Protein backbone atom coordinates (compact mmCIF):
# COMPACT_ATOMS: atom_id res chain seq x y z
CA MET A 1 -33.32 -1.26 -13.93
CA GLY A 2 -30.34 -3.42 -12.93
CA GLU A 3 -28.81 -0.62 -10.85
CA LYS A 4 -28.71 -0.87 -7.08
CA VAL A 5 -29.15 2.06 -4.78
CA GLU A 6 -26.62 2.35 -1.98
CA LEU A 7 -26.97 4.68 0.99
CA THR A 8 -23.71 5.40 2.78
CA ALA A 9 -22.87 7.57 5.76
CA GLY A 10 -19.51 7.84 7.44
CA VAL A 11 -17.43 9.92 9.76
CA GLU A 12 -13.75 10.10 10.62
CA LEU A 13 -12.79 11.50 14.00
CA ARG A 14 -9.25 12.70 14.47
CA LEU A 15 -8.33 12.34 18.10
CA ASN A 16 -4.98 14.14 17.97
CA GLN A 17 -5.76 16.09 21.17
CA LEU A 18 -6.17 12.81 23.02
CA ILE A 19 -3.29 10.86 21.43
CA PRO A 20 -1.25 12.34 18.54
CA GLY A 21 -1.83 10.32 15.37
CA LEU A 22 -5.05 8.60 16.55
CA SER A 23 -8.15 8.55 14.36
CA VAL A 24 -11.35 6.53 14.32
CA ALA A 25 -13.57 6.04 11.27
CA LEU A 26 -17.12 4.70 11.21
CA GLU A 27 -19.22 3.89 8.16
CA GLY A 28 -22.71 2.56 7.75
CA ARG A 29 -23.99 1.34 4.41
CA LEU A 30 -27.38 0.03 3.36
CA VAL A 31 -28.05 -1.47 -0.06
CA THR A 32 -31.80 -1.32 -0.58
CA ALA A 33 -32.68 -3.69 -3.37
CA ASN A 34 -36.38 -2.91 -2.94
CA LEU A 35 -35.88 0.61 -4.34
CA VAL A 36 -35.30 -0.84 -7.79
CA GLY A 37 -38.30 -3.17 -7.91
CA GLU A 38 -36.67 -6.35 -6.61
CA GLN A 39 -37.74 -8.35 -3.57
CA ASN A 40 -37.63 -6.34 -0.34
CA GLN A 41 -34.06 -7.12 0.73
CA LEU A 42 -31.74 -5.10 2.91
CA ALA A 43 -28.00 -5.69 3.01
CA PRO A 44 -26.58 -3.63 5.91
CA PHE A 45 -22.87 -3.09 6.45
CA PHE A 46 -21.09 -1.39 9.32
CA GLY A 47 -17.39 -0.67 9.24
CA PHE A 48 -15.09 0.56 11.99
CA ALA A 49 -11.41 1.43 11.66
CA LEU A 50 -9.04 2.57 14.37
CA HIS A 51 -5.76 4.00 13.13
CA PHE A 52 -2.77 5.26 15.07
CA GLY A 53 -0.14 6.99 12.97
CA ALA A 54 2.81 5.32 14.66
CA THR A 55 1.29 1.83 14.67
CA PRO A 56 1.16 -0.08 11.39
CA VAL A 57 -2.25 -1.35 10.34
CA GLU A 58 -2.03 -5.03 9.51
CA VAL A 59 -2.76 -5.84 5.90
CA ARG A 60 -3.44 -9.56 5.57
CA THR A 61 -1.92 -10.33 2.22
CA PRO A 62 -2.38 -13.83 0.83
CA ARG A 63 0.83 -15.81 0.56
CA GLY A 64 2.63 -15.15 -2.73
CA VAL A 65 0.87 -11.81 -3.41
CA ASP A 66 2.80 -8.53 -3.30
CA GLU A 67 1.68 -6.39 -0.32
CA ASP A 68 1.65 -3.11 -2.28
CA LEU A 69 -0.40 -4.69 -5.08
CA TYR A 70 -2.88 -6.17 -2.61
CA LEU A 71 -3.35 -2.96 -0.59
CA LEU A 72 -3.66 -0.84 -3.74
CA ALA A 73 -6.26 -3.26 -5.14
CA LYS A 74 -8.24 -3.08 -1.88
CA LEU A 75 -8.24 0.72 -2.07
CA ILE A 76 -9.25 0.69 -5.74
CA ARG A 77 -12.18 -1.60 -5.04
CA ALA A 78 -13.27 0.42 -1.99
CA GLU A 79 -12.97 3.80 -3.74
CA ALA A 80 -13.93 2.97 -7.32
CA GLU A 81 -15.94 -0.25 -7.54
CA GLY A 82 -18.65 0.29 -10.14
CA GLU A 83 -16.65 2.97 -11.93
CA PRO A 84 -15.29 2.36 -15.45
CA TYR A 85 -12.13 0.23 -15.51
CA GLU A 86 -10.09 3.23 -16.72
CA GLY A 87 -11.29 5.14 -13.64
CA GLN A 88 -10.21 2.32 -11.36
CA VAL A 89 -6.71 2.40 -12.86
CA ALA A 90 -6.73 6.20 -12.48
CA VAL A 91 -7.50 5.90 -8.74
CA GLY A 92 -4.50 3.58 -8.38
CA ALA A 93 -2.38 5.99 -10.41
CA VAL A 94 -3.28 8.85 -8.05
CA VAL A 95 -1.87 6.84 -5.14
CA LEU A 96 1.33 6.17 -7.10
CA ASN A 97 1.58 9.81 -8.21
CA ARG A 98 1.40 10.78 -4.55
CA VAL A 99 4.17 8.31 -3.67
CA LYS A 100 6.38 10.09 -6.24
CA SER A 101 5.40 13.59 -5.05
CA PRO A 102 7.34 15.36 -2.28
CA GLN A 103 3.97 16.64 -0.97
CA PHE A 104 2.96 13.17 0.24
CA PRO A 105 4.46 10.14 2.02
CA ASN A 106 6.73 7.94 -0.09
CA THR A 107 5.11 4.51 0.28
CA ILE A 108 1.76 3.15 -0.92
CA TYR A 109 0.84 2.17 2.62
CA ASP A 110 1.63 5.61 4.08
CA VAL A 111 -0.21 7.44 1.27
CA ILE A 112 -3.34 5.32 1.76
CA TYR A 113 -3.34 5.65 5.55
CA GLN A 114 -2.43 9.34 5.64
CA PRO A 115 -5.18 10.83 7.85
CA GLY A 116 -8.07 12.54 6.10
CA GLN A 117 -7.19 11.47 2.55
CA PHE A 118 -9.44 8.54 1.59
CA SER A 119 -13.04 8.17 2.77
CA CYS A 120 -12.99 4.39 2.30
CA LEU A 121 -10.68 3.55 5.23
CA PRO A 122 -13.41 1.76 7.22
CA LYS A 123 -14.01 -0.55 4.25
CA LEU A 124 -10.32 -1.49 3.96
CA ALA A 125 -10.53 -3.57 7.13
CA THR A 126 -13.06 -5.96 5.57
CA ILE A 127 -13.03 -5.57 1.78
CA GLN A 128 -11.09 -8.00 -0.38
CA PRO A 129 -9.81 -7.11 -3.83
CA ASN A 130 -11.57 -8.72 -6.76
CA GLU A 131 -10.06 -9.68 -10.12
CA GLU A 132 -10.89 -6.29 -11.66
CA SER A 133 -9.31 -4.26 -8.83
CA LEU A 134 -6.22 -6.50 -8.87
CA ARG A 135 -5.89 -6.00 -12.64
CA ALA A 136 -6.35 -2.23 -12.23
CA ALA A 137 -3.68 -2.16 -9.50
CA ARG A 138 -1.28 -4.13 -11.71
CA ASP A 139 -1.86 -1.69 -14.59
CA ALA A 140 -1.27 1.33 -12.33
CA LEU A 141 1.88 -0.23 -10.88
CA ALA A 142 3.06 -0.91 -14.46
CA GLY A 143 2.85 2.83 -15.19
CA LYS A 144 -0.59 3.32 -16.77
CA ASP A 145 -1.98 6.69 -15.70
CA PRO A 146 -5.40 7.64 -17.09
CA SER A 147 -5.53 10.38 -14.39
CA ARG A 148 -2.93 12.36 -16.38
CA GLY A 149 -0.65 12.91 -13.40
CA ALA A 150 -3.41 13.73 -10.90
CA LEU A 151 -2.74 13.89 -7.17
CA TYR A 152 -6.41 14.27 -6.16
CA TYR A 153 -9.85 13.07 -7.21
CA TYR A 154 -13.36 13.18 -5.89
CA ASN A 155 -16.91 12.26 -6.77
CA PRO A 156 -19.02 15.44 -6.54
CA LYS A 157 -22.17 13.32 -6.07
CA LEU A 158 -20.79 11.69 -2.91
CA ALA A 159 -18.37 14.27 -1.51
CA SER A 160 -18.95 15.80 1.89
CA PRO A 161 -19.58 19.55 2.07
CA ALA A 162 -15.99 19.99 3.31
CA GLY A 163 -14.68 17.92 0.39
CA LYS A 164 -16.68 19.93 -2.13
CA ARG A 165 -15.41 23.17 -0.56
CA PHE A 166 -11.81 21.95 -0.79
CA PHE A 167 -12.09 21.19 -4.51
CA ARG A 168 -13.88 24.49 -5.15
CA THR A 169 -11.24 26.60 -3.39
CA ALA A 170 -7.93 24.68 -3.59
CA ASN A 171 -6.68 26.18 -6.90
CA LEU A 172 -6.09 22.75 -8.44
CA THR A 173 -5.81 22.06 -12.17
CA PRO A 174 -8.42 19.63 -13.55
CA THR A 175 -6.87 16.80 -15.58
CA VAL A 176 -9.74 14.51 -16.59
CA VAL A 177 -13.22 13.25 -15.66
CA ILE A 178 -13.67 9.47 -15.75
CA GLY A 179 -17.07 8.12 -14.74
CA ASN A 180 -18.11 9.94 -11.57
CA HIS A 181 -14.58 10.89 -10.52
CA HIS A 182 -13.00 14.28 -11.25
CA PHE A 183 -9.19 14.26 -11.20
CA PHE A 184 -6.87 17.21 -10.38
CA LYS A 185 -3.17 18.13 -10.15
């Protein structure tokens, strides 16, 4: 009974017709502790991200910490917190596999902020990496790849209808399932 229920809704609007490269993402999250028998507590969260493809998004990296490590750890926490550690490393490995692939941008930053790729972008503005996500990012950067070379992953329980349709029709090769995430080449 120690599990928490989290309700999340989000939307990303691509405003390319207005200004090429502009997108806005909104996310609302409500953790309802009372659904699991605890005191009636609500922990709301609202995230907003504005991204313009030609304008770098500032990543406030603590002094002495590598920027790529820090950003990758933020993404891992936002995308895979609560997943098995191996799955967190696999999420980081997917980003690095994309950096190496000619199909995607060639930097960690550009892969993460490529429009329409990661649903957690609103969280990146406020989330801080924790020790586990930093360790997972270090392992991925050191070459560990539990995803088995995957370039994509998704959680079928949380995916949007469009996301589910993509993974059903994209002719991708499954590589592994870790926790709730399904990985593909």
